[in-house]
C-alpha atoms as a PDB file:
ATOM      1  CA  UNK A   1      38.932 -28.795  -7.350  1.00  0.00           C
ATOM      2  CA  UNK A   2      38.342 -24.906  -7.821  1.00  0.00           C
ATOM      3  CA  UNK A   3      39.020 -23.697  -3.998  1.00  0.00           C
ATOM      4  CA  UNK A   4      36.019 -22.290  -2.345  1.00  0.00           C
ATOM      5  CA  UNK A   5      36.040 -19.494  -0.075  1.00  0.00           C
ATOM      6  CA  UNK A   6      32.979 -19.427   2.575  1.00  0.00           C
ATOM      7  CA  UNK A   7      32.501 -15.760   2.381  1.00  0.00           C
ATOM      8  CA  UNK A   8      30.986 -16.682  -1.253  1.00  0.00           C
ATOM      9  CA  UNK A   9      29.059 -19.685  -0.362  1.00  0.00           C
ATOM     10  CA  UNK A  10      27.290 -17.404   2.869  1.00  0.00           C
ATOM     11  CA  UNK A  11      26.760 -14.767   0.042  1.00  0.00           C
ATOM     12  CA  UNK A  12      25.211 -17.271  -2.250  1.00  0.00           C
ATOM     13  CA  UNK A  13      23.422 -18.767   0.126  1.00  0.00           C
ATOM     14  CA  UNK A  14      21.586 -15.767   1.132  1.00  0.00           C
ATOM     15  CA  UNK A  15      21.049 -14.191  -1.913  1.00  0.00           C
ATOM     16  CA  UNK A  16      19.177 -17.434  -2.672  1.00  0.00           C
ATOM     17  CA  UNK A  17      17.165 -17.517   0.784  1.00  0.00           C
ATOM     18  CA  UNK A  18      15.619 -14.097  -0.018  1.00  0.00           C
ATOM     19  CA  UNK A  19      14.609 -14.827  -3.437  1.00  0.00           C
ATOM     20  CA  UNK A  20      12.629 -17.958  -2.601  1.00  0.00           C
ATOM     21  CA  UNK A  21      11.321 -15.650   0.460  1.00  0.00           C
ATOM     22  CA  UNK A  22      10.253 -12.915  -1.439  1.00  0.00           C
ATOM     23  CA  UNK A  23       8.713 -15.376  -4.242  1.00  0.00           C
ATOM     24  CA  UNK A  24       6.587 -17.047  -1.581  1.00  0.00           C
ATOM     25  CA  UNK A  25       5.817 -13.402  -0.325  1.00  0.00           C
ATOM     26  CA  UNK A  26       4.400 -12.292  -3.848  1.00  0.00           C
ATOM     27  CA  UNK A  27       2.956 -15.591  -4.828  1.00  0.00           C
ATOM     28  CA  UNK A  28       0.868 -15.510  -1.315  1.00  0.00           C
ATOM     29  CA  UNK A  29       0.028 -11.472  -1.462  1.00  0.00           C
ATOM     30  CA  UNK A  30      -0.827 -12.212  -5.453  1.00  0.00           C
ATOM     31  CA  UNK A  31      -3.595 -15.103  -4.203  1.00  0.00           C
ATOM     32  CA  UNK A  32      -5.384 -13.353  -1.298  1.00  0.00           C
ATOM     33  CA  UNK A  33      -5.813 -10.357  -4.010  1.00  0.00           C
ATOM     34  CA  UNK A  34      -7.109 -12.302  -6.289  1.00  0.00           C
ATOM     35  CA  UNK A  35      -9.223 -14.189  -3.819  1.00  0.00           C
ATOM     36  CA  UNK A  36     -10.490 -10.763  -2.660  1.00  0.00           C
ATOM     37  CA  UNK A  37     -11.020  -9.986  -5.807  1.00  0.00           C
ATOM     38  CA  UNK A  38     -13.139 -12.838  -6.586  1.00  0.00           C
ATOM     39  CA  UNK A  39     -15.090 -12.506  -3.276  1.00  0.00           C
ATOM     40  CA  UNK A  40     -15.833  -8.921  -4.268  1.00  0.00           C
ATOM     41  CA  UNK A  41     -17.484  -9.961  -7.812  1.00  0.00           C
ATOM     42  CA  UNK A  42     -19.831 -12.389  -6.106  1.00  0.00           C
END
């Protein structure tokens, strides 16, 4: 078993959390823009 450093695990979890948060933010923004564009077209 390889020794796991807690700091490395914390940094990895933090980066994964930021990536997931950014993905959700971008997805929500794109969906909002798409809905606004569709409402303006109708």
